ModelCIF file with pLDDT and N, C-alpha, C, O atoms, coordinates in Angstrom:
data_MODEL
#
_entry.id   MODEL 
#
_entity.id                         1 
_entity.type                       polymer 
_entity.pdbx_number_of_molecules   1 
#
_entity_poly.entity_id                      1 
_entity_poly.type                           'polypeptide(L)' 
_entity_poly.nstd_linkage                   no 
_entity_poly.nstd_monomer                   no 
_entity_poly.pdbx_seq_one_letter_code       DAEGEWALAAARTKNAEAYKYPAPTISVVRYYHSRNKAFE 
_entity_poly.pdbx_seq_one_letter_code_can   DAEGEWALAAARTKNAEAYKYPAPTISVVRYYHSRNKAFE 
_entity_poly.pdbx_strand_id                 A 
#
loop_
_entity_poly_seq.entity_id 
_entity_poly_seq.num 
_entity_poly_seq.mon_id 
_entity_poly_seq.hetero 
1 1  ASP n 
1 2  ALA n 
1 3  GLU n 
1 4  GLY n 
1 5  GLU n 
1 6  TRP n 
1 7  ALA n 
1 8  LEU n 
1 9  ALA n 
1 10 ALA n 
1 11 ALA n 
1 12 ARG n 
1 13 THR n 
1 14 LYS n 
1 15 ASN n 
1 16 ALA n 
1 17 GLU n 
1 18 ALA n 
1 19 TYR n 
1 20 LYS n 
1 21 TYR n 
1 22 PRO n 
1 23 ALA n 
1 24 PRO n 
1 25 THR n 
1 26 ILE n 
1 27 SER n 
1 28 VAL n 
1 29 VAL n 
1 30 ARG n 
1 31 TYR n 
1 32 TYR n 
1 33 HIS n 
1 34 SER n 
1 35 ARG n 
1 36 ASN n 
1 37 LYS n 
1 38 ALA n 
1 39 PHE n 
1 40 GLU n 
#
_struct_asym.id          A 
_struct_asym.entity_id   1 
#
loop_
_ma_qa_metric.id 
_ma_qa_metric.mode 
_ma_qa_metric.name 
_ma_qa_metric.software_group_id 
_ma_qa_metric.type 
1 global pLDDT . pLDDT 
2 local  pLDDT . pLDDT 
#
_ma_qa_metric_global.metric_id      1 
_ma_qa_metric_global.metric_value   91.72 
_ma_qa_metric_global.model_id       1 
_ma_qa_metric_global.ordinal_id     1 
#
loop_
_ma_qa_metric_local.label_asym_id 
_ma_qa_metric_local.label_comp_id 
_ma_qa_metric_local.label_seq_id 
_ma_qa_metric_local.metric_id 
_ma_qa_metric_local.metric_value 
_ma_qa_metric_local.model_id 
_ma_qa_metric_local.ordinal_id 
A ASP 1  2 93.00 1 1  
A ALA 2  2 92.00 1 2  
A GLU 3  2 93.00 1 3  
A GLY 4  2 94.00 1 4  
A GLU 5  2 95.00 1 5  
A TRP 6  2 95.00 1 6  
A ALA 7  2 95.00 1 7  
A LEU 8  2 96.00 1 8  
A ALA 9  2 95.00 1 9  
A ALA 10 2 96.00 1 10 
A ALA 11 2 96.00 1 11 
A ARG 12 2 96.00 1 12 
A THR 13 2 95.00 1 13 
A LYS 14 2 94.00 1 14 
A ASN 15 2 87.00 1 15 
A ALA 16 2 91.00 1 16 
A GLU 17 2 93.00 1 17 
A ALA 18 2 93.00 1 18 
A TYR 19 2 90.00 1 19 
A LYS 20 2 87.00 1 20 
A TYR 21 2 85.00 1 21 
A PRO 22 2 83.00 1 22 
A ALA 23 2 85.00 1 23 
A PRO 24 2 90.00 1 24 
A THR 25 2 91.00 1 25 
A ILE 26 2 93.00 1 26 
A SER 27 2 91.00 1 27 
A VAL 28 2 92.00 1 28 
A VAL 29 2 91.00 1 29 
A ARG 30 2 91.00 1 30 
A TYR 31 2 91.00 1 31 
A TYR 32 2 92.00 1 32 
A HIS 33 2 89.00 1 33 
A SER 34 2 90.00 1 34 
A ARG 35 2 90.00 1 35 
A ASN 36 2 92.00 1 36 
A LYS 37 2 91.00 1 37 
A ALA 38 2 92.00 1 38 
A PHE 39 2 92.00 1 39 
A GLU 40 2 92.00 1 40 
#
loop_
_atom_site.group_PDB 
_atom_site.id 
_atom_site.type_symbol 
_atom_site.label_atom_id 
_atom_site.label_alt_id 
_atom_site.label_comp_id 
_atom_site.label_asym_id 
_atom_site.label_entity_id 
_atom_site.label_seq_id 
_atom_site.pdbx_PDB_ins_code 
_atom_site.Cartn_x 
_atom_site.Cartn_y 
_atom_site.Cartn_z 
_atom_site.occupancy 
_atom_site.B_iso_or_equiv 
_atom_site.pdbx_formal_charge 
_atom_site.auth_seq_id 
_atom_site.auth_comp_id 
_atom_site.auth_asym_id 
_atom_site.auth_atom_id 
_atom_site.pdbx_PDB_model_num 
ATOM 1   N N  . ASP A 1 1  ? 41.851  -7.810  -3.750  1.00 93.00 ? 1  ASP A N  1 
ATOM 2   C CA . ASP A 1 1  ? 42.469  -9.060  -3.301  1.00 93.00 ? 1  ASP A CA 1 
ATOM 3   C C  . ASP A 1 1  ? 43.720  -9.294  -4.148  1.00 93.00 ? 1  ASP A C  1 
ATOM 4   O O  . ASP A 1 1  ? 44.144  -8.412  -4.895  1.00 93.00 ? 1  ASP A O  1 
ATOM 5   N N  . ALA A 1 2  ? 44.300  -10.469 -4.031  1.00 92.00 ? 2  ALA A N  1 
ATOM 6   C CA . ALA A 1 2  ? 45.577  -10.730 -4.715  1.00 92.00 ? 2  ALA A CA 1 
ATOM 7   C C  . ALA A 1 2  ? 45.433  -10.768 -6.231  1.00 92.00 ? 2  ALA A C  1 
ATOM 8   O O  . ALA A 1 2  ? 46.410  -10.563 -6.952  1.00 92.00 ? 2  ALA A O  1 
ATOM 9   N N  . GLU A 1 3  ? 44.214  -11.032 -6.723  1.00 93.00 ? 3  GLU A N  1 
ATOM 10  C CA . GLU A 1 3  ? 44.038  -11.211 -8.166  1.00 93.00 ? 3  GLU A CA 1 
ATOM 11  C C  . GLU A 1 3  ? 43.444  -9.997  -8.870  1.00 93.00 ? 3  GLU A C  1 
ATOM 12  O O  . GLU A 1 3  ? 43.514  -9.890  -10.094 1.00 93.00 ? 3  GLU A O  1 
ATOM 13  N N  . GLY A 1 4  ? 42.861  -9.084  -8.101  1.00 94.00 ? 4  GLY A N  1 
ATOM 14  C CA . GLY A 1 4  ? 42.244  -7.938  -8.763  1.00 94.00 ? 4  GLY A CA 1 
ATOM 15  C C  . GLY A 1 4  ? 41.585  -6.986  -7.790  1.00 94.00 ? 4  GLY A C  1 
ATOM 16  O O  . GLY A 1 4  ? 41.857  -7.024  -6.590  1.00 94.00 ? 4  GLY A O  1 
ATOM 17  N N  . GLU A 1 5  ? 40.713  -6.126  -8.309  1.00 95.00 ? 5  GLU A N  1 
ATOM 18  C CA . GLU A 1 5  ? 40.048  -5.131  -7.483  1.00 95.00 ? 5  GLU A CA 1 
ATOM 19  C C  . GLU A 1 5  ? 38.642  -4.845  -8.008  1.00 95.00 ? 5  GLU A C  1 
ATOM 20  O O  . GLU A 1 5  ? 38.286  -5.220  -9.125  1.00 95.00 ? 5  GLU A O  1 
ATOM 21  N N  . TRP A 1 6  ? 37.847  -4.163  -7.161  1.00 95.00 ? 6  TRP A N  1 
ATOM 22  C CA . TRP A 1 6  ? 36.474  -3.802  -7.528  1.00 95.00 ? 6  TRP A CA 1 
ATOM 23  C C  . TRP A 1 6  ? 36.459  -2.357  -8.014  1.00 95.00 ? 6  TRP A C  1 
ATOM 24  O O  . TRP A 1 6  ? 36.940  -1.457  -7.326  1.00 95.00 ? 6  TRP A O  1 
ATOM 25  N N  . ALA A 1 7  ? 35.905  -2.144  -9.203  1.00 95.00 ? 7  ALA A N  1 
ATOM 26  C CA . ALA A 1 7  ? 35.797  -0.802  -9.788  1.00 95.00 ? 7  ALA A CA 1 
ATOM 27  C C  . ALA A 1 7  ? 34.327  -0.390  -9.855  1.00 95.00 ? 7  ALA A C  1 
ATOM 28  O O  . ALA A 1 7  ? 33.453  -1.227  -10.080 1.00 95.00 ? 7  ALA A O  1 
ATOM 29  N N  . LEU A 1 8  ? 34.061  0.884   -9.663  1.00 96.00 ? 8  LEU A N  1 
ATOM 30  C CA . LEU A 1 8  ? 32.689  1.392   -9.698  1.00 96.00 ? 8  LEU A CA 1 
ATOM 31  C C  . LEU A 1 8  ? 32.123  1.277   -11.109 1.00 96.00 ? 8  LEU A C  1 
ATOM 32  O O  . LEU A 1 8  ? 32.670  1.831   -12.063 1.00 96.00 ? 8  LEU A O  1 
ATOM 33  N N  . ALA A 1 9  ? 31.008  0.542   -11.221 1.00 95.00 ? 9  ALA A N  1 
ATOM 34  C CA . ALA A 1 9  ? 30.337  0.400   -12.514 1.00 95.00 ? 9  ALA A CA 1 
ATOM 35  C C  . ALA A 1 9  ? 29.184  1.390   -12.651 1.00 95.00 ? 9  ALA A C  1 
ATOM 36  O O  . ALA A 1 9  ? 28.927  1.908   -13.737 1.00 95.00 ? 9  ALA A O  1 
ATOM 37  N N  . ALA A 1 10 ? 28.487  1.650   -11.530 1.00 96.00 ? 10 ALA A N  1 
ATOM 38  C CA . ALA A 1 10 ? 27.363  2.598   -11.546 1.00 96.00 ? 10 ALA A CA 1 
ATOM 39  C C  . ALA A 1 10 ? 27.145  3.112   -10.133 1.00 96.00 ? 10 ALA A C  1 
ATOM 40  O O  . ALA A 1 10 ? 27.010  2.326   -9.195  1.00 96.00 ? 10 ALA A O  1 
ATOM 41  N N  . ALA A 1 11 ? 27.112  4.428   -9.980  1.00 96.00 ? 11 ALA A N  1 
ATOM 42  C CA . ALA A 1 11 ? 26.875  5.026   -8.663  1.00 96.00 ? 11 ALA A CA 1 
ATOM 43  C C  . ALA A 1 11 ? 25.387  4.983   -8.315  1.00 96.00 ? 11 ALA A C  1 
ATOM 44  O O  . ALA A 1 11 ? 24.530  4.973   -9.199  1.00 96.00 ? 11 ALA A O  1 
ATOM 45  N N  . ARG A 1 12 ? 25.099  4.957   -7.032  1.00 96.00 ? 12 ARG A N  1 
ATOM 46  C CA . ARG A 1 12 ? 23.705  4.984   -6.574  1.00 96.00 ? 12 ARG A CA 1 
ATOM 47  C C  . ARG A 1 12 ? 22.984  6.203   -7.149  1.00 96.00 ? 12 ARG A C  1 
ATOM 48  O O  . ARG A 1 12 ? 23.605  7.236   -7.399  1.00 96.00 ? 12 ARG A O  1 
ATOM 49  N N  . THR A 1 13 ? 21.698  6.083   -7.353  1.00 95.00 ? 13 THR A N  1 
ATOM 50  C CA . THR A 1 13 ? 20.947  7.162   -7.998  1.00 95.00 ? 13 THR A CA 1 
ATOM 51  C C  . THR A 1 13 ? 20.236  8.081   -7.010  1.00 95.00 ? 13 THR A C  1 
ATOM 52  O O  . THR A 1 13 ? 19.744  9.141   -7.398  1.00 95.00 ? 13 THR A O  1 
ATOM 53  N N  . LYS A 1 14 ? 20.177  7.692   -5.743  1.00 94.00 ? 14 LYS A N  1 
ATOM 54  C CA . LYS A 1 14 ? 19.547  8.546   -4.735  1.00 94.00 ? 14 LYS A CA 1 
ATOM 55  C C  . LYS A 1 14 ? 20.441  8.602   -3.495  1.00 94.00 ? 14 LYS A C  1 
ATOM 56  O O  . LYS A 1 14 ? 20.921  7.571   -3.022  1.00 94.00 ? 14 LYS A O  1 
ATOM 57  N N  . ASN A 1 15 ? 20.656  9.783   -2.985  1.00 87.00 ? 15 ASN A N  1 
ATOM 58  C CA . ASN A 1 15 ? 21.524  9.944   -1.815  1.00 87.00 ? 15 ASN A CA 1 
ATOM 59  C C  . ASN A 1 15 ? 20.666  9.919   -0.549  1.00 87.00 ? 15 ASN A C  1 
ATOM 60  O O  . ASN A 1 15 ? 20.566  10.918  0.163   1.00 87.00 ? 15 ASN A O  1 
ATOM 61  N N  . ALA A 1 16 ? 20.054  8.778   -0.281  1.00 91.00 ? 16 ALA A N  1 
ATOM 62  C CA . ALA A 1 16 ? 19.165  8.653   0.884   1.00 91.00 ? 16 ALA A CA 1 
ATOM 63  C C  . ALA A 1 16 ? 19.070  7.193   1.292   1.00 91.00 ? 16 ALA A C  1 
ATOM 64  O O  . ALA A 1 16 ? 19.224  6.293   0.466   1.00 91.00 ? 16 ALA A O  1 
ATOM 65  N N  . GLU A 1 17 ? 18.817  6.970   2.570   1.00 93.00 ? 17 GLU A N  1 
ATOM 66  C CA . GLU A 1 17 ? 18.620  5.625   3.100   1.00 93.00 ? 17 GLU A CA 1 
ATOM 67  C C  . GLU A 1 17 ? 17.188  5.420   3.582   1.00 93.00 ? 17 GLU A C  1 
ATOM 68  O O  . GLU A 1 17 ? 16.743  4.286   3.759   1.00 93.00 ? 17 GLU A O  1 
ATOM 69  N N  . ALA A 1 18 ? 16.469  6.522   3.795   1.00 93.00 ? 18 ALA A N  1 
ATOM 70  C CA . ALA A 1 18 ? 15.116  6.429   4.341   1.00 93.00 ? 18 ALA A CA 1 
ATOM 71  C C  . ALA A 1 18 ? 14.262  7.535   3.736   1.00 93.00 ? 18 ALA A C  1 
ATOM 72  O O  . ALA A 1 18 ? 14.771  8.481   3.135   1.00 93.00 ? 18 ALA A O  1 
ATOM 73  N N  . TYR A 1 19 ? 12.966  7.394   3.908   1.00 90.00 ? 19 TYR A N  1 
ATOM 74  C CA . TYR A 1 19 ? 12.038  8.423   3.454   1.00 90.00 ? 19 TYR A CA 1 
ATOM 75  C C  . TYR A 1 19 ? 11.081  8.762   4.600   1.00 90.00 ? 19 TYR A C  1 
ATOM 76  O O  . TYR A 1 19 ? 10.891  7.969   5.522   1.00 90.00 ? 19 TYR A O  1 
ATOM 77  N N  . LYS A 1 20 ? 10.487  9.946   4.526   1.00 87.00 ? 20 LYS A N  1 
ATOM 78  C CA . LYS A 1 20 ? 9.557   10.380  5.558   1.00 87.00 ? 20 LYS A CA 1 
ATOM 79  C C  . LYS A 1 20 ? 8.183   9.754   5.315   1.00 87.00 ? 20 LYS A C  1 
ATOM 80  O O  . LYS A 1 20 ? 7.565   9.949   4.269   1.00 87.00 ? 20 LYS A O  1 
ATOM 81  N N  . TYR A 1 21 ? 7.735   9.010   6.294   1.00 85.00 ? 21 TYR A N  1 
ATOM 82  C CA . TYR A 1 21 ? 6.451   8.317   6.184   1.00 85.00 ? 21 TYR A CA 1 
ATOM 83  C C  . TYR A 1 21 ? 5.440   9.016   7.083   1.00 85.00 ? 21 TYR A C  1 
ATOM 84  O O  . TYR A 1 21 ? 5.700   9.183   8.275   1.00 85.00 ? 21 TYR A O  1 
ATOM 85  N N  . PRO A 1 22 ? 4.289   9.433   6.547   1.00 83.00 ? 22 PRO A N  1 
ATOM 86  C CA . PRO A 1 22 ? 3.295   10.124  7.378   1.00 83.00 ? 22 PRO A CA 1 
ATOM 87  C C  . PRO A 1 22 ? 2.838   9.241   8.536   1.00 83.00 ? 22 PRO A C  1 
ATOM 88  O O  . PRO A 1 22 ? 2.435   8.096   8.334   1.00 83.00 ? 22 PRO A O  1 
ATOM 89  N N  . ALA A 1 23 ? 2.906   9.781   9.740   1.00 85.00 ? 23 ALA A N  1 
ATOM 90  C CA . ALA A 1 23 ? 2.467   9.042   10.931  1.00 85.00 ? 23 ALA A CA 1 
ATOM 91  C C  . ALA A 1 23 ? 1.718   9.991   11.864  1.00 85.00 ? 23 ALA A C  1 
ATOM 92  O O  . ALA A 1 23 ? 2.140   10.209  13.000  1.00 85.00 ? 23 ALA A O  1 
ATOM 93  N N  . PRO A 1 24 ? 0.605   10.557  11.386  1.00 90.00 ? 24 PRO A N  1 
ATOM 94  C CA . PRO A 1 24 ? -0.147  11.485  12.241  1.00 90.00 ? 24 PRO A CA 1 
ATOM 95  C C  . PRO A 1 24 ? -0.686  10.775  13.472  1.00 90.00 ? 24 PRO A C  1 
ATOM 96  O O  . PRO A 1 24 ? -0.972  9.579   13.440  1.00 90.00 ? 24 PRO A O  1 
ATOM 97  N N  . THR A 1 25 ? -0.817  11.516  14.538  1.00 91.00 ? 25 THR A N  1 
ATOM 98  C CA . THR A 1 25 ? -1.387  10.969  15.764  1.00 91.00 ? 25 THR A CA 1 
ATOM 99  C C  . THR A 1 25 ? -2.603  11.784  16.169  1.00 91.00 ? 25 THR A C  1 
ATOM 100 O O  . THR A 1 25 ? -2.646  12.999  15.980  1.00 91.00 ? 25 THR A O  1 
ATOM 101 N N  . ILE A 1 26 ? -3.580  11.104  16.722  1.00 93.00 ? 26 ILE A N  1 
ATOM 102 C CA . ILE A 1 26 ? -4.736  11.781  17.310  1.00 93.00 ? 26 ILE A CA 1 
ATOM 103 C C  . ILE A 1 26 ? -4.741  11.459  18.798  1.00 93.00 ? 26 ILE A C  1 
ATOM 104 O O  . ILE A 1 26 ? -4.730  10.297  19.205  1.00 93.00 ? 26 ILE A O  1 
ATOM 105 N N  . SER A 1 27 ? -4.756  12.506  19.585  1.00 91.00 ? 27 SER A N  1 
ATOM 106 C CA . SER A 1 27 ? -4.772  12.370  21.039  1.00 91.00 ? 27 SER A CA 1 
ATOM 107 C C  . SER A 1 27 ? -6.195  12.605  21.533  1.00 91.00 ? 27 SER A C  1 
ATOM 108 O O  . SER A 1 27 ? -6.803  13.635  21.242  1.00 91.00 ? 27 SER A O  1 
ATOM 109 N N  . VAL A 1 28 ? -6.710  11.648  22.276  1.00 92.00 ? 28 VAL A N  1 
ATOM 110 C CA . VAL A 1 28 ? -8.077  11.727  22.802  1.00 92.00 ? 28 VAL A CA 1 
ATOM 111 C C  . VAL A 1 28 ? -7.994  11.933  24.310  1.00 92.00 ? 28 VAL A C  1 
ATOM 112 O O  . VAL A 1 28 ? -7.461  11.092  25.033  1.00 92.00 ? 28 VAL A O  1 
ATOM 113 N N  . VAL A 1 29 ? -8.527  13.061  24.777  1.00 91.00 ? 29 VAL A N  1 
ATOM 114 C CA . VAL A 1 29 ? -8.498  13.384  26.206  1.00 91.00 ? 29 VAL A CA 1 
ATOM 115 C C  . VAL A 1 29 ? -9.929  13.320  26.742  1.00 91.00 ? 29 VAL A C  1 
ATOM 116 O O  . VAL A 1 29 ? -10.812 14.026  26.256  1.00 91.00 ? 29 VAL A O  1 
ATOM 117 N N  . ARG A 1 30 ? -10.148 12.475  27.738  1.00 91.00 ? 30 ARG A N  1 
ATOM 118 C CA . ARG A 1 30 ? -11.462 12.363  28.394  1.00 91.00 ? 30 ARG A CA 1 
ATOM 119 C C  . ARG A 1 30 ? -11.318 12.781  29.857  1.00 91.00 ? 30 ARG A C  1 
ATOM 120 O O  . ARG A 1 30 ? -10.337 12.440  30.518  1.00 91.00 ? 30 ARG A O  1 
ATOM 121 N N  . TYR A 1 31 ? -12.308 13.522  30.348  1.00 91.00 ? 31 TYR A N  1 
ATOM 122 C CA . TYR A 1 31 ? -12.260 14.074  31.697  1.00 91.00 ? 31 TYR A CA 1 
ATOM 123 C C  . TYR A 1 31 ? -13.244 13.350  32.626  1.00 91.00 ? 31 TYR A C  1 
ATOM 124 O O  . TYR A 1 31 ? -14.362 13.010  32.239  1.00 91.00 ? 31 TYR A O  1 
ATOM 125 N N  . TYR A 1 32 ? -12.784 13.126  33.867  1.00 92.00 ? 32 TYR A N  1 
ATOM 126 C CA . TYR A 1 32 ? -13.616 12.471  34.880  1.00 92.00 ? 32 TYR A CA 1 
ATOM 127 C C  . TYR A 1 32 ? -13.392 13.145  36.229  1.00 92.00 ? 32 TYR A C  1 
ATOM 128 O O  . TYR A 1 32 ? -12.320 13.680  36.512  1.00 92.00 ? 32 TYR A O  1 
ATOM 129 N N  . HIS A 1 33 ? -14.437 13.102  37.050  1.00 89.00 ? 33 HIS A N  1 
ATOM 130 C CA . HIS A 1 33 ? -14.300 13.622  38.404  1.00 89.00 ? 33 HIS A CA 1 
ATOM 131 C C  . HIS A 1 33 ? -13.630 12.602  39.317  1.00 89.00 ? 33 HIS A C  1 
ATOM 132 O O  . HIS A 1 33 ? -12.991 12.957  40.307  1.00 89.00 ? 33 HIS A O  1 
ATOM 133 N N  . SER A 1 34 ? -13.790 11.317  38.962  1.00 90.00 ? 34 SER A N  1 
ATOM 134 C CA . SER A 1 34 ? -13.286 10.234  39.808  1.00 90.00 ? 34 SER A CA 1 
ATOM 135 C C  . SER A 1 34 ? -12.026 9.612   39.211  1.00 90.00 ? 34 SER A C  1 
ATOM 136 O O  . SER A 1 34 ? -11.972 9.317   38.017  1.00 90.00 ? 34 SER A O  1 
ATOM 137 N N  . ARG A 1 35 ? -11.017 9.416   40.055  1.00 90.00 ? 35 ARG A N  1 
ATOM 138 C CA . ARG A 1 35 ? -9.800  8.757   39.595  1.00 90.00 ? 35 ARG A CA 1 
ATOM 139 C C  . ARG A 1 35 ? -10.101 7.336   39.141  1.00 90.00 ? 35 ARG A C  1 
ATOM 140 O O  . ARG A 1 35 ? -9.551  6.883   38.137  1.00 90.00 ? 35 ARG A O  1 
ATOM 141 N N  . ASN A 1 36 ? -10.960 6.628   39.856  1.00 92.00 ? 36 ASN A N  1 
ATOM 142 C CA . ASN A 1 36 ? -11.273 5.251   39.496  1.00 92.00 ? 36 ASN A CA 1 
ATOM 143 C C  . ASN A 1 36 ? -11.912 5.159   38.109  1.00 92.00 ? 36 ASN A C  1 
ATOM 144 O O  . ASN A 1 36 ? -11.570 4.283   37.315  1.00 92.00 ? 36 ASN A O  1 
ATOM 145 N N  . LYS A 1 37 ? -12.846 6.076   37.827  1.00 91.00 ? 37 LYS A N  1 
ATOM 146 C CA . LYS A 1 37 ? -13.479 6.073   36.506  1.00 91.00 ? 37 LYS A CA 1 
ATOM 147 C C  . LYS A 1 37 ? -12.449 6.339   35.417  1.00 91.00 ? 37 LYS A C  1 
ATOM 148 O O  . LYS A 1 37 ? -12.502 5.746   34.339  1.00 91.00 ? 37 LYS A O  1 
ATOM 149 N N  . ALA A 1 38 ? -11.520 7.229   35.708  1.00 92.00 ? 38 ALA A N  1 
ATOM 150 C CA . ALA A 1 38 ? -10.484 7.547   34.729  1.00 92.00 ? 38 ALA A CA 1 
ATOM 151 C C  . ALA A 1 38 ? -9.615  6.330   34.448  1.00 92.00 ? 38 ALA A C  1 
ATOM 152 O O  . ALA A 1 38 ? -9.326  6.023   33.291  1.00 92.00 ? 38 ALA A O  1 
ATOM 153 N N  . PHE A 1 39 ? -9.198  5.633   35.507  1.00 92.00 ? 39 PHE A N  1 
ATOM 154 C CA . PHE A 1 39 ? -8.328  4.476   35.311  1.00 92.00 ? 39 PHE A CA 1 
ATOM 155 C C  . PHE A 1 39 ? -9.039  3.361   34.555  1.00 92.00 ? 39 PHE A C  1 
ATOM 156 O O  . PHE A 1 39 ? -8.392  2.568   33.871  1.00 92.00 ? 39 PHE A O  1 
ATOM 157 N N  . GLU A 1 40 ? -10.363 3.293   34.670  1.00 92.00 ? 40 GLU A N  1 
ATOM 158 C CA . GLU A 1 40 ? -11.122 2.284   33.930  1.00 92.00 ? 40 GLU A CA 1 
ATOM 159 C C  . GLU A 1 40 ? -11.044 2.509   32.421  1.00 92.00 ? 40 GLU A C  1 
ATOM 160 O O  . GLU A 1 40 ? -11.629 1.747   31.652  1.00 92.00 ? 40 GLU A O  1 
#
């Protein structure tokens, strides 16, 4: 600005914005002879 400027005092310590979070999924498959039973 007109009166001064911003100087780096300390750089960030990690070069990342996010981390990998475990999100396992389990898929459950059930079989039916009838479409109606399946939709239920």
